[in-house]
Amino acid sequence: MLERLTKSLLEAPIFKRGEYNYFIHPITDGVPEVKPELIREITGHIVRIADLEVDKIVTVEAMGIPIGIGLSIICDIPLVIIRKRKYGLPGEIEVSQVTGYSKSQLFLNGINRGDRVIVVDDVISTGGTLLAVLKSLKIAGAIVKDVVVVVKRGDGVNRLKAEGYAVKTMVDVDVSESRVTSVTRSDNGLGK
């Protein structure tokens, strides 16, 4: 299970961003190309492990979009994309995002008080983006039923756990200066 994802991660090139060894991958960066069979494998796995008794799927611009769209099509659940640009729509919620290598603002539209949601995203490293997303959903009055992230790297899951949030991940990666050194299936205590 998740063979395509594992193989593609082990083949991912590395880019140095300051002191951070950043892996470049179709799911996390959209390059070299996002293959449909990889999206099918990932979304199929989400269907198996996630609570999908929800009103909306929520993801973050940009690389959560292919995952969110795939899941939306399979499950016939509307998709809400948290954007990096302000639109000024009524009820728009703005939150700060701080990651291991950047700071920015995120803008949430399209969530109503009481909406049951699942959050899906491509990667969690520091947890900064996901924490901002979850805080914005709390402000909006949404009920977060589940959070699923494809790739876990770093201690972001522990940071979110300390804040009271549970996050399911598919694979854990370790990265050196030259390559992804290991990809292991995340346990998550799911038994699946």
N, C-alpha and C. Protein backbone atom coordinates (compact mmCIF):
# COMPACT_ATOMS: atom_id res chain seq x y z
N MET A 1 0.84 -1.18 0.00
CA MET A 1 0.00 0.00 0.00
C MET A 1 0.89 1.25 0.00
N LEU A 2 0.49 2.25 -0.73
CA LEU A 2 1.21 3.51 -0.90
C LEU A 2 2.58 3.32 -1.56
N GLU A 3 2.68 2.30 -2.43
CA GLU A 3 3.94 2.02 -3.11
C GLU A 3 4.37 3.15 -4.05
N ARG A 4 3.43 3.71 -4.80
CA ARG A 4 3.76 4.81 -5.72
C ARG A 4 4.28 6.02 -4.95
N LEU A 5 3.59 6.34 -3.88
CA LEU A 5 4.01 7.48 -3.06
C LEU A 5 5.40 7.24 -2.48
N THR A 6 5.63 6.08 -1.92
CA THR A 6 6.93 5.76 -1.32
C THR A 6 8.04 5.83 -2.36
N LYS A 7 7.86 5.18 -3.49
CA LYS A 7 8.89 5.17 -4.55
C LYS A 7 9.18 6.59 -5.03
N SER A 8 8.14 7.38 -5.26
CA SER A 8 8.34 8.73 -5.78
C SER A 8 9.05 9.63 -4.76
N LEU A 9 8.78 9.44 -3.49
CA LEU A 9 9.47 10.22 -2.46
C LEU A 9 10.95 9.85 -2.38
N LEU A 10 11.25 8.56 -2.48
CA LEU A 10 12.66 8.13 -2.43
C LEU A 10 13.45 8.65 -3.62
N GLU A 11 12.77 8.95 -4.72
CA GLU A 11 13.43 9.47 -5.92
C GLU A 11 13.44 11.00 -5.97
N ALA A 12 12.86 11.67 -4.98
CA ALA A 12 12.71 13.13 -5.00
C ALA A 12 14.05 13.85 -4.87
N PRO A 13 14.29 14.87 -5.71
CA PRO A 13 15.51 15.67 -5.56
C PRO A 13 15.41 16.57 -4.33
N ILE A 14 16.56 17.04 -3.86
CA ILE A 14 16.64 17.89 -2.67
C ILE A 14 17.09 19.29 -3.09
N PHE A 15 16.47 20.30 -2.48
CA PHE A 15 16.81 21.69 -2.71
C PHE A 15 17.12 22.30 -1.35
N LYS A 16 18.22 22.99 -1.24
CA LYS A 16 18.61 23.63 0.02
C LYS A 16 17.97 25.01 0.09
N ARG A 17 17.16 25.25 1.12
CA ARG A 17 16.52 26.55 1.33
C ARG A 17 17.01 27.05 2.69
N GLY A 18 18.08 27.87 2.67
CA GLY A 18 18.75 28.26 3.91
C GLY A 18 19.38 27.02 4.51
N GLU A 19 19.02 26.70 5.73
CA GLU A 19 19.53 25.49 6.40
C GLU A 19 18.58 24.30 6.24
N TYR A 20 17.50 24.51 5.52
CA TYR A 20 16.45 23.50 5.41
C TYR A 20 16.67 22.67 4.14
N ASN A 21 16.71 21.35 4.28
CA ASN A 21 16.80 20.43 3.14
C ASN A 21 15.38 20.11 2.69
N TYR A 22 15.00 20.70 1.57
CA TYR A 22 13.64 20.68 1.07
C TYR A 22 13.54 19.65 -0.05
N PHE A 23 12.67 18.64 0.09
CA PHE A 23 12.50 17.68 -0.99
C PHE A 23 11.48 18.21 -1.98
N ILE A 24 11.71 17.97 -3.26
CA ILE A 24 10.84 18.45 -4.33
C ILE A 24 10.07 17.26 -4.87
N HIS A 25 8.74 17.35 -4.80
CA HIS A 25 7.91 16.19 -5.12
C HIS A 25 6.59 16.65 -5.76
N PRO A 26 6.02 15.85 -6.64
CA PRO A 26 4.76 16.24 -7.29
C PRO A 26 3.63 16.59 -6.31
N ILE A 27 3.53 15.88 -5.20
CA ILE A 27 2.45 16.13 -4.25
C ILE A 27 2.70 17.37 -3.42
N THR A 28 3.96 17.68 -3.13
CA THR A 28 4.28 18.83 -2.28
C THR A 28 4.64 20.08 -3.07
N ASP A 29 4.97 19.92 -4.35
CA ASP A 29 5.43 21.07 -5.14
C ASP A 29 4.84 21.16 -6.55
N GLY A 30 4.19 20.10 -7.00
CA GLY A 30 3.60 20.13 -8.34
C GLY A 30 4.60 19.93 -9.46
N VAL A 31 5.80 19.52 -9.15
CA VAL A 31 6.81 19.25 -10.18
C VAL A 31 7.48 17.91 -9.89
N PRO A 32 7.90 17.16 -10.88
CA PRO A 32 7.87 17.55 -12.28
C PRO A 32 6.48 17.48 -12.89
N GLU A 33 5.63 16.56 -12.45
CA GLU A 33 4.24 16.49 -12.90
C GLU A 33 3.45 15.71 -11.86
N VAL A 34 2.19 16.02 -11.74
CA VAL A 34 1.32 15.33 -10.80
C VAL A 34 0.57 14.26 -11.58
N LYS A 35 0.92 13.01 -11.32
CA LYS A 35 0.33 11.90 -12.07
C LYS A 35 -0.98 11.46 -11.44
N PRO A 36 -1.98 11.17 -12.28
CA PRO A 36 -3.30 10.79 -11.75
C PRO A 36 -3.25 9.53 -10.88
N GLU A 37 -2.39 8.58 -11.20
CA GLU A 37 -2.33 7.36 -10.39
C GLU A 37 -1.83 7.63 -8.98
N LEU A 38 -0.99 8.64 -8.82
CA LEU A 38 -0.51 9.01 -7.49
C LEU A 38 -1.64 9.68 -6.69
N ILE A 39 -2.40 10.56 -7.33
CA ILE A 39 -3.54 11.18 -6.67
C ILE A 39 -4.58 10.12 -6.30
N ARG A 40 -4.82 9.17 -7.20
CA ARG A 40 -5.78 8.08 -6.90
C ARG A 40 -5.33 7.28 -5.69
N GLU A 41 -4.04 6.95 -5.63
CA GLU A 41 -3.51 6.17 -4.51
C GLU A 41 -3.70 6.93 -3.19
N ILE A 42 -3.37 8.21 -3.20
CA ILE A 42 -3.46 9.03 -1.98
C ILE A 42 -4.91 9.23 -1.56
N THR A 43 -5.77 9.62 -2.50
CA THR A 43 -7.17 9.85 -2.12
C THR A 43 -7.87 8.56 -1.73
N GLY A 44 -7.52 7.47 -2.37
CA GLY A 44 -8.08 6.17 -1.98
C GLY A 44 -7.70 5.82 -0.55
N HIS A 45 -6.47 6.14 -0.17
CA HIS A 45 -6.02 5.88 1.20
C HIS A 45 -6.77 6.79 2.20
N ILE A 46 -6.98 8.04 1.82
CA ILE A 46 -7.73 8.94 2.70
C ILE A 46 -9.13 8.40 2.94
N VAL A 47 -9.77 7.90 1.89
CA VAL A 47 -11.11 7.33 2.03
C VAL A 47 -11.10 6.18 3.04
N ARG A 48 -10.03 5.40 3.06
CA ARG A 48 -9.94 4.27 3.99
C ARG A 48 -9.70 4.69 5.44
N ILE A 49 -8.96 5.78 5.67
CA ILE A 49 -8.56 6.10 7.04
C ILE A 49 -9.31 7.27 7.68
N ALA A 50 -10.07 8.03 6.90
CA ALA A 50 -10.63 9.29 7.40
C ALA A 50 -12.10 9.20 7.76
N ASP A 51 -12.52 10.12 8.62
CA ASP A 51 -13.93 10.32 8.92
C ASP A 51 -14.47 11.28 7.86
N LEU A 52 -15.25 10.75 6.94
CA LEU A 52 -15.78 11.55 5.84
C LEU A 52 -17.26 11.88 6.00
N GLU A 53 -17.76 11.79 7.22
CA GLU A 53 -19.12 12.24 7.51
C GLU A 53 -19.04 13.75 7.72
N VAL A 54 -18.79 14.47 6.63
CA VAL A 54 -18.54 15.91 6.69
C VAL A 54 -19.36 16.64 5.64
N ASP A 55 -19.45 17.96 5.85
CA ASP A 55 -20.13 18.82 4.89
C ASP A 55 -19.17 19.39 3.86
N LYS A 56 -17.89 19.56 4.26
CA LYS A 56 -16.91 20.18 3.37
C LYS A 56 -15.52 19.62 3.61
N ILE A 57 -14.75 19.61 2.54
CA ILE A 57 -13.33 19.30 2.59
C ILE A 57 -12.61 20.65 2.58
N VAL A 58 -11.61 20.80 3.44
CA VAL A 58 -10.84 22.04 3.50
C VAL A 58 -9.39 21.73 3.20
N THR A 59 -8.77 22.56 2.36
CA THR A 59 -7.35 22.42 2.08
C THR A 59 -6.74 23.81 1.90
N VAL A 60 -5.41 23.82 1.75
CA VAL A 60 -4.68 25.08 1.64
C VAL A 60 -4.07 25.19 0.25
N GLU A 61 -4.16 26.40 -0.30
CA GLU A 61 -3.49 26.73 -1.55
C GLU A 61 -1.99 26.51 -1.35
N ALA A 62 -1.22 25.96 -2.18
CA ALA A 62 -1.57 25.48 -3.48
C ALA A 62 -1.56 23.96 -3.55
N MET A 63 -0.65 23.31 -2.84
CA MET A 63 -0.48 21.89 -3.09
C MET A 63 -1.48 20.98 -2.39
N GLY A 64 -2.31 21.51 -1.54
CA GLY A 64 -3.41 20.71 -1.03
C GLY A 64 -4.54 20.58 -2.04
N ILE A 65 -4.52 21.45 -3.06
CA ILE A 65 -5.61 21.48 -4.04
C ILE A 65 -5.76 20.18 -4.82
N PRO A 66 -4.69 19.59 -5.39
CA PRO A 66 -4.90 18.33 -6.12
C PRO A 66 -5.48 17.22 -5.24
N ILE A 67 -5.04 17.15 -4.00
CA ILE A 67 -5.56 16.15 -3.07
C ILE A 67 -7.03 16.44 -2.76
N GLY A 68 -7.33 17.69 -2.46
CA GLY A 68 -8.70 18.08 -2.15
C GLY A 68 -9.66 17.86 -3.30
N ILE A 69 -9.23 18.20 -4.50
CA ILE A 69 -10.10 18.00 -5.67
C ILE A 69 -10.35 16.51 -5.90
N GLY A 70 -9.29 15.71 -5.83
CA GLY A 70 -9.46 14.26 -6.00
C GLY A 70 -10.45 13.69 -5.00
N LEU A 71 -10.30 14.08 -3.74
CA LEU A 71 -11.19 13.59 -2.69
C LEU A 71 -12.61 14.11 -2.89
N SER A 72 -12.74 15.35 -3.29
CA SER A 72 -14.06 15.94 -3.55
C SER A 72 -14.80 15.18 -4.66
N ILE A 73 -14.10 14.86 -5.72
CA ILE A 73 -14.71 14.13 -6.84
C ILE A 73 -15.13 12.73 -6.42
N ILE A 74 -14.26 12.04 -5.68
CA ILE A 74 -14.56 10.68 -5.25
C ILE A 74 -15.76 10.65 -4.29
N CYS A 75 -15.79 11.60 -3.35
CA CYS A 75 -16.77 11.57 -2.26
C CYS A 75 -17.98 12.47 -2.49
N ASP A 76 -17.93 13.28 -3.54
CA ASP A 76 -19.02 14.22 -3.84
C ASP A 76 -19.28 15.18 -2.67
N ILE A 77 -18.17 15.68 -2.10
CA ILE A 77 -18.22 16.64 -0.99
C ILE A 77 -17.58 17.94 -1.49
N PRO A 78 -18.21 19.10 -1.25
CA PRO A 78 -17.63 20.37 -1.70
C PRO A 78 -16.26 20.63 -1.09
N LEU A 79 -15.44 21.37 -1.83
CA LEU A 79 -14.07 21.70 -1.42
C LEU A 79 -13.97 23.19 -1.14
N VAL A 80 -13.35 23.54 0.00
CA VAL A 80 -13.05 24.92 0.36
C VAL A 80 -11.53 25.06 0.38
N ILE A 81 -11.03 26.05 -0.36
CA ILE A 81 -9.59 26.27 -0.45
C ILE A 81 -9.22 27.51 0.36
N ILE A 82 -8.37 27.32 1.35
CA ILE A 82 -7.86 28.46 2.11
C ILE A 82 -6.79 29.11 1.24
N ARG A 83 -6.96 30.42 1.01
CA ARG A 83 -6.13 31.13 0.04
C ARG A 83 -5.05 31.96 0.72
N LYS A 84 -4.07 32.33 -0.06
CA LYS A 84 -2.98 33.19 0.40
C LYS A 84 -3.20 34.64 -0.02
N ARG A 85 -4.36 34.90 -0.59
CA ARG A 85 -4.71 36.24 -1.05
C ARG A 85 -6.03 36.68 -0.41
N LYS A 86 -6.08 37.93 -0.03
CA LYS A 86 -7.28 38.50 0.57
C LYS A 86 -8.28 38.85 -0.54
N TYR A 87 -9.53 38.44 -0.35
CA TYR A 87 -10.59 38.77 -1.29
C TYR A 87 -11.57 39.77 -0.71
N GLY A 88 -11.60 39.91 0.59
CA GLY A 88 -12.48 40.88 1.22
C GLY A 88 -13.95 40.51 1.19
N LEU A 89 -14.24 39.22 1.06
CA LEU A 89 -15.63 38.77 1.06
C LEU A 89 -16.21 38.83 2.47
N PRO A 90 -17.52 38.96 2.59
CA PRO A 90 -18.13 38.99 3.93
C PRO A 90 -17.77 37.72 4.71
N GLY A 91 -17.36 37.90 5.97
CA GLY A 91 -17.03 36.77 6.82
C GLY A 91 -15.64 36.19 6.61
N GLU A 92 -14.85 36.79 5.74
CA GLU A 92 -13.49 36.28 5.50
C GLU A 92 -12.68 36.32 6.80
N ILE A 93 -11.96 35.25 7.07
CA ILE A 93 -11.14 35.15 8.28
C ILE A 93 -9.68 35.14 7.85
N GLU A 94 -8.89 36.00 8.48
CA GLU A 94 -7.46 36.12 8.19
C GLU A 94 -6.67 35.61 9.39
N VAL A 95 -5.69 34.74 9.11
CA VAL A 95 -4.81 34.24 10.17
C VAL A 95 -3.37 34.26 9.69
N SER A 96 -2.45 34.34 10.64
CA SER A 96 -1.02 34.33 10.32
C SER A 96 -0.51 32.90 10.26
N GLN A 97 0.34 32.65 9.29
CA GLN A 97 0.97 31.35 9.10
C GLN A 97 2.47 31.53 9.28
N VAL A 98 3.08 30.71 10.13
CA VAL A 98 4.53 30.74 10.31
C VAL A 98 5.03 29.32 10.12
N THR A 99 5.88 29.12 9.10
CA THR A 99 6.46 27.80 8.84
C THR A 99 7.95 27.85 9.17
N GLY A 100 8.65 26.78 8.85
CA GLY A 100 10.09 26.74 9.10
C GLY A 100 10.88 27.67 8.22
N TYR A 101 10.26 28.18 7.15
CA TYR A 101 11.02 29.02 6.22
C TYR A 101 10.26 30.24 5.73
N SER A 102 9.05 30.51 6.25
CA SER A 102 8.33 31.70 5.79
C SER A 102 7.25 32.13 6.77
N LYS A 103 6.78 33.36 6.59
CA LYS A 103 5.65 33.91 7.33
C LYS A 103 4.71 34.53 6.31
N SER A 104 3.40 34.34 6.49
CA SER A 104 2.43 34.93 5.58
C SER A 104 1.05 34.90 6.21
N GLN A 105 0.08 35.38 5.46
CA GLN A 105 -1.31 35.39 5.90
C GLN A 105 -2.10 34.37 5.08
N LEU A 106 -3.12 33.78 5.71
CA LEU A 106 -4.05 32.89 5.04
C LEU A 106 -5.45 33.46 5.21
N PHE A 107 -6.32 33.20 4.22
CA PHE A 107 -7.66 33.76 4.22
C PHE A 107 -8.68 32.64 3.97
N LEU A 108 -9.63 32.54 4.88
CA LEU A 108 -10.66 31.51 4.83
C LEU A 108 -12.00 32.13 4.46
N ASN A 109 -12.64 31.56 3.46
CA ASN A 109 -13.99 31.93 3.05
C ASN A 109 -14.78 30.62 2.86
N GLY A 110 -16.09 30.71 2.92
CA GLY A 110 -16.92 29.56 2.55
C GLY A 110 -17.21 28.57 3.65
N ILE A 111 -16.85 28.88 4.88
CA ILE A 111 -17.16 28.00 6.00
C ILE A 111 -18.19 28.68 6.87
N ASN A 112 -19.24 27.94 7.22
CA ASN A 112 -20.30 28.46 8.07
C ASN A 112 -20.24 27.81 9.45
N ARG A 113 -20.73 28.53 10.44
CA ARG A 113 -20.78 27.98 11.80
C ARG A 113 -21.52 26.64 11.76
N GLY A 114 -20.92 25.63 12.37
CA GLY A 114 -21.54 24.30 12.43
C GLY A 114 -21.15 23.37 11.29
N ASP A 115 -20.47 23.88 10.26
CA ASP A 115 -20.01 23.00 9.18
C ASP A 115 -19.08 21.94 9.74
N ARG A 116 -19.33 20.69 9.37
CA ARG A 116 -18.43 19.59 9.73
C ARG A 116 -17.42 19.48 8.60
N VAL A 117 -16.12 19.49 8.95
CA VAL A 117 -15.09 19.52 7.91
C VAL A 117 -14.00 18.48 8.16
N ILE A 118 -13.36 18.09 7.06
CA ILE A 118 -12.11 17.36 7.10
C ILE A 118 -11.07 18.29 6.47
N VAL A 119 -9.89 18.35 7.08
CA VAL A 119 -8.79 19.13 6.54
C VAL A 119 -7.81 18.14 5.92
N VAL A 120 -7.43 18.39 4.66
CA VAL A 120 -6.41 17.57 3.99
C VAL A 120 -5.30 18.48 3.50
N ASP A 121 -4.07 17.98 3.56
CA ASP A 121 -2.94 18.77 3.08
C ASP A 121 -1.83 17.84 2.62
N ASP A 122 -0.83 18.43 1.96
CA ASP A 122 0.24 17.64 1.37
C ASP A 122 1.33 17.25 2.35
N VAL A 123 1.81 18.19 3.18
CA VAL A 123 2.94 17.90 4.05
C VAL A 123 2.82 18.69 5.35
N ILE A 124 3.31 18.09 6.42
CA ILE A 124 3.44 18.80 7.69
C ILE A 124 4.89 18.68 8.14
N SER A 125 5.50 19.84 8.39
CA SER A 125 6.87 19.88 8.90
C SER A 125 6.86 20.51 10.30
N THR A 126 6.74 21.83 10.35
CA THR A 126 6.71 22.53 11.64
C THR A 126 5.31 22.56 12.23
N GLY A 127 4.29 22.41 11.39
CA GLY A 127 2.91 22.50 11.83
C GLY A 127 2.34 23.90 11.78
N GLY A 128 3.14 24.88 11.36
CA GLY A 128 2.71 26.28 11.34
C GLY A 128 1.49 26.53 10.46
N THR A 129 1.50 25.99 9.25
CA THR A 129 0.37 26.20 8.35
C THR A 129 -0.89 25.53 8.88
N LEU A 130 -0.76 24.29 9.28
CA LEU A 130 -1.93 23.55 9.76
C LEU A 130 -2.50 24.16 11.03
N LEU A 131 -1.65 24.65 11.91
CA LEU A 131 -2.13 25.30 13.13
C LEU A 131 -2.94 26.55 12.77
N ALA A 132 -2.46 27.34 11.82
CA ALA A 132 -3.19 28.53 11.37
C ALA A 132 -4.54 28.14 10.77
N VAL A 133 -4.56 27.08 9.98
CA VAL A 133 -5.81 26.60 9.38
C VAL A 133 -6.81 26.18 10.45
N LEU A 134 -6.35 25.41 11.41
CA LEU A 134 -7.25 24.92 12.46
C LEU A 134 -7.77 26.07 13.33
N LYS A 135 -6.94 27.05 13.58
CA LYS A 135 -7.40 28.23 14.34
C LYS A 135 -8.45 29.01 13.55
N SER A 136 -8.24 29.13 12.23
CA SER A 136 -9.23 29.86 11.43
C SER A 136 -10.57 29.11 11.40
N LEU A 137 -10.52 27.80 11.34
CA LEU A 137 -11.75 27.00 11.36
C LEU A 137 -12.48 27.13 12.70
N LYS A 138 -11.72 27.19 13.77
CA LYS A 138 -12.31 27.39 15.09
C LYS A 138 -13.02 28.74 15.16
N ILE A 139 -12.36 29.78 14.65
CA ILE A 139 -12.96 31.12 14.62
C ILE A 139 -14.26 31.10 13.81
N ALA A 140 -14.26 30.35 12.71
CA ALA A 140 -15.44 30.27 11.84
C ALA A 140 -16.57 29.45 12.47
N GLY A 141 -16.26 28.68 13.50
CA GLY A 141 -17.28 27.86 14.15
C GLY A 141 -17.46 26.50 13.51
N ALA A 142 -16.47 26.07 12.73
CA ALA A 142 -16.54 24.75 12.09
C ALA A 142 -16.25 23.65 13.10
N ILE A 143 -16.72 22.46 12.79
CA ILE A 143 -16.44 21.27 13.60
C ILE A 143 -15.44 20.43 12.78
N VAL A 144 -14.22 20.35 13.25
CA VAL A 144 -13.19 19.59 12.54
C VAL A 144 -13.34 18.12 12.92
N LYS A 145 -13.77 17.32 11.95
CA LYS A 145 -14.00 15.90 12.18
C LYS A 145 -12.72 15.08 12.00
N ASP A 146 -11.83 15.57 11.13
CA ASP A 146 -10.59 14.82 10.88
C ASP A 146 -9.58 15.73 10.20
N VAL A 147 -8.31 15.38 10.36
CA VAL A 147 -7.21 16.07 9.70
C VAL A 147 -6.29 14.99 9.14
N VAL A 148 -6.06 15.01 7.81
CA VAL A 148 -5.21 14.02 7.17
C VAL A 148 -4.17 14.73 6.32
N VAL A 149 -2.91 14.39 6.53
CA VAL A 149 -1.79 14.96 5.79
C VAL A 149 -1.01 13.81 5.15
N VAL A 150 -0.62 13.99 3.91
CA VAL A 150 0.07 12.93 3.18
C VAL A 150 1.44 12.63 3.78
N VAL A 151 2.30 13.65 3.90
CA VAL A 151 3.70 13.44 4.30
C VAL A 151 3.98 14.13 5.63
N LYS A 152 4.56 13.39 6.56
CA LYS A 152 5.01 13.94 7.84
C LYS A 152 6.52 14.05 7.81
N ARG A 153 6.98 15.27 8.13
CA ARG A 153 8.41 15.50 8.25
C ARG A 153 8.63 16.48 9.39
N GLY A 154 9.42 16.12 10.35
CA GLY A 154 9.65 17.03 11.47
C GLY A 154 8.66 16.79 12.60
N ASP A 155 8.59 17.77 13.52
CA ASP A 155 7.82 17.59 14.75
C ASP A 155 6.48 18.34 14.76
N GLY A 156 5.98 18.73 13.60
CA GLY A 156 4.73 19.46 13.53
C GLY A 156 3.54 18.72 14.11
N VAL A 157 3.49 17.41 13.92
CA VAL A 157 2.37 16.62 14.47
C VAL A 157 2.39 16.72 15.99
N ASN A 158 3.57 16.65 16.59
CA ASN A 158 3.68 16.76 18.04
C ASN A 158 3.26 18.16 18.51
N ARG A 159 3.62 19.18 17.76
CA ARG A 159 3.23 20.55 18.09
C ARG A 159 1.71 20.68 18.10
N LEU A 160 1.06 20.10 17.09
CA LEU A 160 -0.40 20.17 17.01
C LEU A 160 -1.05 19.34 18.11
N LYS A 161 -0.45 18.20 18.42
CA LYS A 161 -0.97 17.36 19.50
C LYS A 161 -0.93 18.12 20.82
N ALA A 162 0.16 18.87 21.06
CA ALA A 162 0.28 19.68 22.27
C ALA A 162 -0.79 20.78 22.33
N GLU A 163 -1.29 21.19 21.16
CA GLU A 163 -2.35 22.21 21.07
C GLU A 163 -3.74 21.58 21.12
N GLY A 164 -3.80 20.24 21.22
CA GLY A 164 -5.08 19.55 21.33
C GLY A 164 -5.65 19.04 20.03
N TYR A 165 -4.86 19.01 18.96
CA TYR A 165 -5.34 18.56 17.65
C TYR A 165 -4.72 17.21 17.29
N ALA A 166 -5.53 16.31 16.74
CA ALA A 166 -5.06 15.02 16.25
C ALA A 166 -4.87 15.12 14.74
N VAL A 167 -3.76 14.60 14.25
CA VAL A 167 -3.46 14.64 12.82
C VAL A 167 -3.09 13.23 12.37
N LYS A 168 -3.74 12.75 11.32
CA LYS A 168 -3.37 11.49 10.70
C LYS A 168 -2.42 11.79 9.55
N THR A 169 -1.35 11.01 9.44
CA THR A 169 -0.43 11.15 8.32
C THR A 169 -0.29 9.80 7.63
N MET A 170 0.15 9.84 6.37
CA MET A 170 0.28 8.60 5.61
C MET A 170 1.68 8.02 5.69
N VAL A 171 2.69 8.88 5.44
CA VAL A 171 4.08 8.43 5.49
C VAL A 171 4.92 9.45 6.24
N ASP A 172 5.98 8.94 6.89
CA ASP A 172 6.98 9.78 7.54
C ASP A 172 8.22 9.74 6.67
N VAL A 173 8.86 10.91 6.48
CA VAL A 173 10.09 10.96 5.69
C VAL A 173 11.23 11.53 6.52
N ASP A 174 12.43 11.06 6.21
CA ASP A 174 13.67 11.62 6.72
C ASP A 174 14.47 12.08 5.52
N VAL A 175 15.10 13.24 5.64
CA VAL A 175 15.79 13.86 4.52
C VAL A 175 17.20 14.25 4.94
N SER A 176 18.18 13.91 4.08
CA SER A 176 19.55 14.37 4.30
C SER A 176 19.82 15.53 3.34
N GLU A 177 21.06 15.97 3.28
CA GLU A 177 21.41 17.05 2.36
C GLU A 177 21.32 16.63 0.90
N SER A 178 21.33 15.32 0.65
CA SER A 178 21.37 14.86 -0.73
C SER A 178 20.17 14.05 -1.20
N ARG A 179 19.36 13.53 -0.24
CA ARG A 179 18.24 12.69 -0.68
C ARG A 179 17.25 12.43 0.45
N VAL A 180 16.08 11.92 0.06
CA VAL A 180 15.15 11.38 1.05
C VAL A 180 15.74 10.05 1.48
N THR A 181 16.08 9.92 2.76
CA THR A 181 16.78 8.73 3.23
C THR A 181 15.85 7.60 3.65
N SER A 182 14.63 7.94 4.06
CA SER A 182 13.68 6.88 4.41
C SER A 182 12.25 7.38 4.29
N VAL A 183 11.38 6.45 3.94
CA VAL A 183 9.94 6.69 3.89
C VAL A 183 9.31 5.51 4.63
N THR A 184 8.61 5.80 5.73
CA THR A 184 7.95 4.73 6.47
C THR A 184 6.47 5.04 6.58
N ARG A 185 5.70 4.02 6.60
CA ARG A 185 4.25 4.16 6.73
C ARG A 185 3.93 4.70 8.10
N SER A 186 3.14 5.74 8.19
CA SER A 186 2.75 6.30 9.49
C SER A 186 1.84 5.32 10.20
N ASP A 187 2.01 5.22 11.50
CA ASP A 187 1.21 4.31 12.32
C ASP A 187 -0.14 4.92 12.62
N ASN A 188 -0.16 6.10 13.21
CA ASN A 188 -1.38 6.81 13.58
C ASN A 188 -2.29 6.00 14.51
N GLY A 189 -1.88 4.82 14.92
CA GLY A 189 -2.73 4.02 15.78
C GLY A 189 -4.00 3.54 15.10
N LEU A 190 -4.00 3.50 13.77
CA LEU A 190 -5.21 3.16 13.03
C LEU A 190 -5.40 1.68 12.80
N GLY A 191 -4.30 0.95 12.75
CA GLY A 191 -4.42 -0.47 12.47
C GLY A 191 -4.93 -0.78 11.08
N LYS A 192 -4.76 0.14 10.15
CA LYS A 192 -5.24 -0.09 8.78
C LYS A 192 -4.09 -0.09 7.81
